[in-house]
């Protein structure tokens, strides 16, 4: 038997330190968190990988870089499987929410330098 320590508070703990990185998307999983849609991103960077949880409004500037198609109603159409392997540059920060919780945030999205990023259907 192995001793386990499990956080059941619903807090999401990332493991990517502050800084600007070129990321490669390894996997994106849609999640329901407190009844709201969220996305868990497993990202490769600097020879390692980490996770970040985002809300839809936090990735509005990222989706066009990944080839998502903006719809007439302002929503973006994209497929979580088709973005695997795509790259982007972003800055990771750890702000504190109004409720005092430290969260991981991605921002300042840019195309990765020296990488060819193609829209869906490479």
N, C-alpha and C. Protein backbone atom coordinates (compact mmCIF):
# COMPACT_ATOMS: atom_id res chain seq x y z
N UNK A 1 0.85 -1.17 0.00
CA UNK A 1 0.00 0.00 0.00
C UNK A 1 0.89 1.24 0.00
N UNK A 2 0.47 2.27 -0.76
CA UNK A 2 1.23 3.51 -0.76
C UNK A 2 0.38 4.63 -0.17
N UNK A 3 1.03 5.47 0.60
CA UNK A 3 0.32 6.57 1.24
C UNK A 3 0.08 7.66 0.20
N UNK A 4 -1.15 8.15 0.10
CA UNK A 4 -1.54 9.17 -0.86
C UNK A 4 -1.98 10.43 -0.14
N UNK A 5 -1.79 11.57 -0.77
CA UNK A 5 -2.31 12.84 -0.29
C UNK A 5 -3.08 13.43 -1.46
N UNK A 6 -4.40 13.63 -1.31
CA UNK A 6 -5.25 14.04 -2.41
C UNK A 6 -5.95 15.35 -2.07
N UNK A 7 -5.81 16.34 -2.95
CA UNK A 7 -6.49 17.63 -2.80
C UNK A 7 -7.88 17.49 -3.42
N UNK A 8 -8.90 17.57 -2.61
CA UNK A 8 -10.27 17.44 -3.11
C UNK A 8 -11.01 18.79 -3.03
N UNK A 9 -10.26 19.87 -2.89
CA UNK A 9 -10.87 21.19 -2.74
C UNK A 9 -11.36 21.77 -4.05
N UNK A 10 -10.97 21.16 -5.18
CA UNK A 10 -11.35 21.72 -6.47
C UNK A 10 -10.32 22.71 -6.97
N UNK A 11 -9.29 22.99 -6.18
CA UNK A 11 -8.23 23.90 -6.64
C UNK A 11 -7.43 23.20 -7.73
N UNK A 12 -6.99 23.98 -8.70
CA UNK A 12 -6.18 23.41 -9.77
C UNK A 12 -4.76 23.92 -9.59
N UNK A 13 -3.83 23.02 -9.44
CA UNK A 13 -2.43 23.41 -9.23
C UNK A 13 -1.64 23.11 -10.50
N UNK A 14 -1.12 24.14 -11.11
CA UNK A 14 -0.31 23.95 -12.30
C UNK A 14 1.13 23.71 -11.89
N UNK A 15 1.95 23.44 -12.86
CA UNK A 15 3.35 23.22 -12.54
C UNK A 15 4.26 23.93 -13.54
N UNK A 16 3.80 25.03 -14.12
CA UNK A 16 4.62 25.82 -15.04
C UNK A 16 5.02 27.11 -14.33
N UNK A 17 6.31 27.35 -14.16
CA UNK A 17 6.74 28.58 -13.47
C UNK A 17 6.51 29.83 -14.31
N UNK A 18 6.51 31.00 -13.64
CA UNK A 18 6.38 32.27 -14.35
C UNK A 18 7.45 32.40 -15.43
N UNK A 19 7.08 33.02 -16.53
CA UNK A 19 8.03 33.27 -17.60
C UNK A 19 7.36 33.21 -18.96
N UNK A 20 8.13 33.49 -20.01
CA UNK A 20 7.64 33.42 -21.38
C UNK A 20 8.25 32.20 -22.04
N UNK A 21 7.40 31.41 -22.66
CA UNK A 21 7.82 30.13 -23.23
C UNK A 21 7.24 29.92 -24.63
N UNK A 22 7.94 29.11 -25.42
CA UNK A 22 7.39 28.55 -26.64
C UNK A 22 6.77 27.22 -26.22
N UNK A 23 5.47 27.08 -26.42
CA UNK A 23 4.75 25.88 -26.02
C UNK A 23 4.39 25.03 -27.23
N UNK A 24 4.40 23.72 -27.04
CA UNK A 24 3.82 22.80 -28.01
C UNK A 24 2.64 22.12 -27.31
N UNK A 25 1.48 22.15 -27.96
CA UNK A 25 0.28 21.57 -27.37
C UNK A 25 0.36 20.06 -27.47
N UNK A 26 0.34 19.40 -26.32
CA UNK A 26 0.35 17.94 -26.28
C UNK A 26 -1.07 17.40 -26.21
N UNK A 27 -1.95 18.10 -25.50
CA UNK A 27 -3.34 17.65 -25.38
C UNK A 27 -4.17 18.79 -24.80
N UNK A 28 -5.43 18.88 -25.24
CA UNK A 28 -6.39 19.82 -24.66
C UNK A 28 -7.62 19.00 -24.30
N UNK A 29 -8.07 19.14 -23.05
CA UNK A 29 -9.22 18.40 -22.57
C UNK A 29 -10.26 19.39 -22.05
N UNK A 30 -11.48 19.28 -22.57
CA UNK A 30 -12.57 20.11 -22.05
C UNK A 30 -13.00 19.55 -20.70
N UNK A 31 -13.16 20.44 -19.73
CA UNK A 31 -13.54 20.05 -18.37
C UNK A 31 -14.77 20.86 -17.94
N UNK A 32 -15.47 20.36 -16.96
CA UNK A 32 -16.53 21.12 -16.29
C UNK A 32 -16.01 21.42 -14.89
N UNK A 33 -15.89 22.70 -14.56
CA UNK A 33 -15.42 23.12 -13.25
C UNK A 33 -16.50 24.01 -12.63
N UNK A 34 -17.06 23.55 -11.55
CA UNK A 34 -18.16 24.26 -10.88
C UNK A 34 -19.28 24.59 -11.87
N UNK A 35 -19.57 23.64 -12.76
CA UNK A 35 -20.65 23.81 -13.73
C UNK A 35 -20.32 24.71 -14.91
N UNK A 36 -19.06 25.12 -15.04
CA UNK A 36 -18.65 26.00 -16.14
C UNK A 36 -17.63 25.29 -17.02
N UNK A 37 -17.65 25.63 -18.31
CA UNK A 37 -16.72 25.03 -19.26
C UNK A 37 -15.31 25.60 -19.05
N UNK A 38 -14.33 24.71 -19.04
CA UNK A 38 -12.93 25.10 -18.92
C UNK A 38 -12.11 24.15 -19.80
N UNK A 39 -10.86 24.50 -20.03
CA UNK A 39 -9.97 23.66 -20.83
C UNK A 39 -8.67 23.42 -20.08
N UNK A 40 -8.29 22.15 -19.99
CA UNK A 40 -7.00 21.79 -19.41
C UNK A 40 -6.03 21.59 -20.57
N UNK A 41 -4.95 22.36 -20.55
CA UNK A 41 -3.93 22.31 -21.60
C UNK A 41 -2.71 21.59 -21.05
N UNK A 42 -2.27 20.55 -21.72
CA UNK A 42 -1.01 19.90 -21.38
C UNK A 42 -0.02 20.38 -22.43
N UNK A 43 0.98 21.12 -21.96
CA UNK A 43 1.88 21.85 -22.84
C UNK A 43 3.32 21.42 -22.66
N UNK A 44 4.01 21.20 -23.77
CA UNK A 44 5.44 20.93 -23.73
C UNK A 44 6.20 22.25 -23.83
N UNK A 45 7.27 22.37 -23.06
CA UNK A 45 8.10 23.58 -23.10
C UNK A 45 9.46 23.25 -22.49
N UNK A 46 10.52 23.80 -23.05
CA UNK A 46 11.88 23.65 -22.51
C UNK A 46 12.23 22.21 -22.14
N UNK A 47 11.79 21.24 -22.94
CA UNK A 47 12.14 19.85 -22.70
C UNK A 47 11.33 19.17 -21.61
N UNK A 48 10.28 19.82 -21.12
CA UNK A 48 9.43 19.23 -20.10
C UNK A 48 7.97 19.51 -20.46
N UNK A 49 7.05 19.22 -19.57
CA UNK A 49 5.66 19.54 -19.84
C UNK A 49 4.97 19.97 -18.56
N UNK A 50 3.84 20.66 -18.71
CA UNK A 50 3.07 21.12 -17.58
C UNK A 50 1.62 21.31 -17.98
N UNK A 51 0.79 21.63 -17.00
CA UNK A 51 -0.65 21.80 -17.22
C UNK A 51 -1.09 23.20 -16.85
N UNK A 52 -2.09 23.68 -17.58
CA UNK A 52 -2.73 24.96 -17.26
C UNK A 52 -4.23 24.79 -17.49
N UNK A 53 -5.04 25.33 -16.61
CA UNK A 53 -6.48 25.33 -16.76
C UNK A 53 -6.90 26.73 -17.19
N UNK A 54 -7.69 26.82 -18.28
CA UNK A 54 -8.15 28.13 -18.74
C UNK A 54 -9.67 28.14 -18.88
N UNK A 55 -10.22 29.32 -18.77
CA UNK A 55 -11.63 29.57 -19.07
C UNK A 55 -11.69 30.04 -20.52
N UNK A 56 -12.82 29.89 -21.19
CA UNK A 56 -12.92 30.30 -22.59
C UNK A 56 -12.50 31.75 -22.85
N UNK A 57 -12.87 32.68 -21.98
CA UNK A 57 -12.52 34.08 -22.23
C UNK A 57 -11.02 34.35 -22.13
N UNK A 58 -10.27 33.44 -21.52
CA UNK A 58 -8.82 33.63 -21.38
C UNK A 58 -8.05 33.22 -22.63
N UNK A 59 -8.70 32.53 -23.56
CA UNK A 59 -7.99 32.05 -24.75
C UNK A 59 -8.47 32.70 -26.04
N UNK A 60 -9.21 33.81 -25.91
CA UNK A 60 -9.73 34.50 -27.09
C UNK A 60 -8.62 34.93 -28.06
N UNK A 61 -7.48 35.35 -27.53
CA UNK A 61 -6.37 35.77 -28.40
C UNK A 61 -5.53 34.60 -28.89
N UNK A 62 -5.65 33.45 -28.23
CA UNK A 62 -4.89 32.26 -28.63
C UNK A 62 -5.56 31.51 -29.78
N UNK A 63 -6.87 31.38 -29.74
CA UNK A 63 -7.56 30.55 -30.72
C UNK A 63 -7.28 30.94 -32.17
N UNK A 64 -7.27 32.23 -32.54
CA UNK A 64 -6.93 32.55 -33.93
C UNK A 64 -5.52 32.12 -34.33
N UNK A 65 -4.57 32.17 -33.39
CA UNK A 65 -3.20 31.72 -33.68
C UNK A 65 -3.15 30.23 -33.98
N UNK A 66 -4.12 29.49 -33.43
CA UNK A 66 -4.16 28.04 -33.62
C UNK A 66 -5.00 27.64 -34.83
N UNK A 67 -5.52 28.64 -35.54
CA UNK A 67 -6.30 28.36 -36.75
C UNK A 67 -7.78 28.22 -36.53
N UNK A 68 -8.28 28.59 -35.35
CA UNK A 68 -9.72 28.51 -35.10
C UNK A 68 -10.45 29.49 -36.01
N UNK A 69 -11.64 29.11 -36.42
CA UNK A 69 -12.43 29.94 -37.33
C UNK A 69 -13.45 30.75 -36.55
N UNK A 70 -13.41 32.08 -36.72
CA UNK A 70 -14.39 32.94 -36.03
C UNK A 70 -15.71 32.85 -36.78
N UNK A 71 -16.77 32.58 -36.03
CA UNK A 71 -18.11 32.43 -36.58
C UNK A 71 -18.83 33.79 -36.59
N UNK A 72 -19.89 33.94 -37.38
CA UNK A 72 -20.63 35.20 -37.43
C UNK A 72 -21.14 35.67 -36.07
N UNK A 73 -21.40 34.72 -35.15
CA UNK A 73 -21.90 35.10 -33.82
C UNK A 73 -20.78 35.47 -32.86
N UNK A 74 -19.52 35.49 -33.36
CA UNK A 74 -18.38 35.87 -32.53
C UNK A 74 -17.71 34.71 -31.82
N UNK A 75 -18.30 33.53 -31.85
CA UNK A 75 -17.70 32.35 -31.24
C UNK A 75 -16.63 31.79 -32.18
N UNK A 76 -15.74 30.97 -31.64
CA UNK A 76 -14.71 30.31 -32.44
C UNK A 76 -15.01 28.83 -32.58
N UNK A 77 -14.83 28.31 -33.79
CA UNK A 77 -14.97 26.87 -34.05
C UNK A 77 -13.58 26.27 -34.11
N UNK A 78 -13.35 25.25 -33.28
CA UNK A 78 -12.05 24.59 -33.26
C UNK A 78 -12.22 23.20 -32.69
N UNK A 79 -11.22 22.37 -32.92
CA UNK A 79 -11.26 20.97 -32.48
C UNK A 79 -10.05 20.74 -31.58
N UNK A 80 -10.30 20.29 -30.35
CA UNK A 80 -9.20 20.10 -29.41
C UNK A 80 -8.17 19.09 -29.92
N UNK A 81 -8.61 18.09 -30.69
CA UNK A 81 -7.66 17.11 -31.23
C UNK A 81 -6.78 17.70 -32.32
N UNK A 82 -7.32 18.62 -33.13
CA UNK A 82 -6.56 19.17 -34.25
C UNK A 82 -5.51 20.20 -33.85
N UNK A 83 -5.56 20.68 -32.62
CA UNK A 83 -4.54 21.64 -32.19
C UNK A 83 -3.33 20.95 -31.57
N UNK A 84 -3.43 19.64 -31.33
CA UNK A 84 -2.28 18.91 -30.78
C UNK A 84 -1.11 19.02 -31.74
N UNK A 85 0.07 19.34 -31.19
CA UNK A 85 1.27 19.50 -32.01
C UNK A 85 1.51 20.93 -32.47
N UNK A 86 0.51 21.79 -32.37
CA UNK A 86 0.68 23.19 -32.76
C UNK A 86 1.49 23.91 -31.68
N UNK A 87 2.10 25.02 -32.07
CA UNK A 87 2.95 25.76 -31.15
C UNK A 87 2.51 27.20 -31.03
N UNK A 88 2.84 27.81 -29.90
CA UNK A 88 2.58 29.23 -29.67
C UNK A 88 3.50 29.71 -28.56
N UNK A 89 3.66 31.02 -28.47
CA UNK A 89 4.45 31.63 -27.40
C UNK A 89 3.48 32.33 -26.47
N UNK A 90 3.71 32.21 -25.16
CA UNK A 90 2.86 32.88 -24.17
C UNK A 90 3.64 33.15 -22.90
N UNK A 91 3.12 34.08 -22.12
CA UNK A 91 3.71 34.41 -20.83
C UNK A 91 2.83 33.80 -19.73
N UNK A 92 3.48 33.13 -18.79
CA UNK A 92 2.80 32.50 -17.65
C UNK A 92 2.98 33.39 -16.43
N UNK A 93 1.86 33.68 -15.75
CA UNK A 93 1.90 34.42 -14.49
C UNK A 93 1.03 33.69 -13.48
N UNK A 94 1.15 34.08 -12.23
CA UNK A 94 0.38 33.46 -11.15
C UNK A 94 -0.28 34.54 -10.30
N UNK A 95 -1.35 35.17 -10.83
CA UNK A 95 -2.05 36.20 -10.05
C UNK A 95 -2.89 35.60 -8.94
N UNK A 96 -3.26 36.45 -7.98
CA UNK A 96 -4.13 36.05 -6.89
C UNK A 96 -5.54 36.58 -7.19
N UNK A 97 -6.53 35.71 -7.09
CA UNK A 97 -7.91 36.11 -7.36
C UNK A 97 -8.45 36.95 -6.20
N UNK A 98 -9.64 37.52 -6.41
CA UNK A 98 -10.30 38.30 -5.36
C UNK A 98 -10.58 37.45 -4.12
N UNK A 99 -10.71 36.14 -4.33
CA UNK A 99 -10.98 35.23 -3.21
C UNK A 99 -9.69 34.75 -2.54
N UNK A 100 -8.53 35.27 -2.98
CA UNK A 100 -7.27 34.92 -2.36
C UNK A 100 -6.60 33.66 -2.88
N UNK A 101 -7.10 33.13 -3.98
CA UNK A 101 -6.54 31.91 -4.56
C UNK A 101 -5.51 32.26 -5.64
N UNK A 102 -4.35 31.64 -5.61
CA UNK A 102 -3.33 31.85 -6.63
C UNK A 102 -3.65 30.93 -7.80
N UNK A 103 -3.74 31.51 -8.99
CA UNK A 103 -4.06 30.75 -10.19
C UNK A 103 -2.98 30.95 -11.24
N UNK A 104 -2.91 30.03 -12.17
CA UNK A 104 -1.98 30.15 -13.28
C UNK A 104 -2.71 30.81 -14.44
N UNK A 105 -2.07 31.77 -15.08
CA UNK A 105 -2.69 32.45 -16.21
C UNK A 105 -1.72 32.50 -17.38
N UNK A 106 -2.25 32.28 -18.57
CA UNK A 106 -1.49 32.43 -19.80
C UNK A 106 -1.92 33.75 -20.44
N UNK A 107 -0.98 34.47 -21.02
CA UNK A 107 -1.31 35.72 -21.69
C UNK A 107 -0.25 36.11 -22.69
N UNK A 108 -0.46 37.24 -23.34
CA UNK A 108 0.47 37.78 -24.33
C UNK A 108 0.80 36.73 -25.39
N UNK A 109 -0.25 36.16 -25.97
CA UNK A 109 -0.09 35.08 -26.96
C UNK A 109 0.51 35.61 -28.26
N UNK A 110 1.44 34.86 -28.81
CA UNK A 110 2.08 35.19 -30.09
C UNK A 110 2.37 33.89 -30.83
N UNK A 111 2.55 34.02 -32.14
CA UNK A 111 2.98 32.85 -32.92
C UNK A 111 4.40 32.51 -32.49
N UNK A 112 4.72 31.23 -32.46
CA UNK A 112 6.09 30.81 -32.11
C UNK A 112 7.03 31.23 -33.22
N UNK A 113 8.18 31.72 -32.84
CA UNK A 113 9.17 32.15 -33.83
C UNK A 113 9.85 30.95 -34.46
N UNK A 114 9.99 30.99 -35.77
CA UNK A 114 10.70 29.93 -36.48
C UNK A 114 9.90 28.66 -36.64
N UNK A 115 8.62 28.69 -36.29
CA UNK A 115 7.77 27.51 -36.44
C UNK A 115 6.73 27.79 -37.51
N UNK A 116 6.38 26.77 -38.27
CA UNK A 116 5.31 26.89 -39.25
C UNK A 116 4.02 26.44 -38.60
N UNK A 117 3.10 27.36 -38.42
CA UNK A 117 1.79 27.02 -37.88
C UNK A 117 0.77 27.11 -39.01
N UNK A 118 0.08 26.04 -39.23
CA UNK A 118 -0.90 25.98 -40.30
C UNK A 118 -2.29 25.87 -39.70
N UNK A 119 -3.29 26.39 -40.41
CA UNK A 119 -4.66 26.21 -39.92
C UNK A 119 -5.02 24.73 -39.90
N UNK A 120 -6.21 24.43 -39.41
CA UNK A 120 -6.67 23.05 -39.32
C UNK A 120 -6.50 22.33 -40.63
N UNK A 121 -6.22 21.04 -40.55
CA UNK A 121 -6.10 20.21 -41.74
C UNK A 121 -4.70 20.22 -42.31
N UNK A 122 -3.69 20.49 -41.48
CA UNK A 122 -2.28 20.53 -41.92
C UNK A 122 -2.13 19.76 -43.16
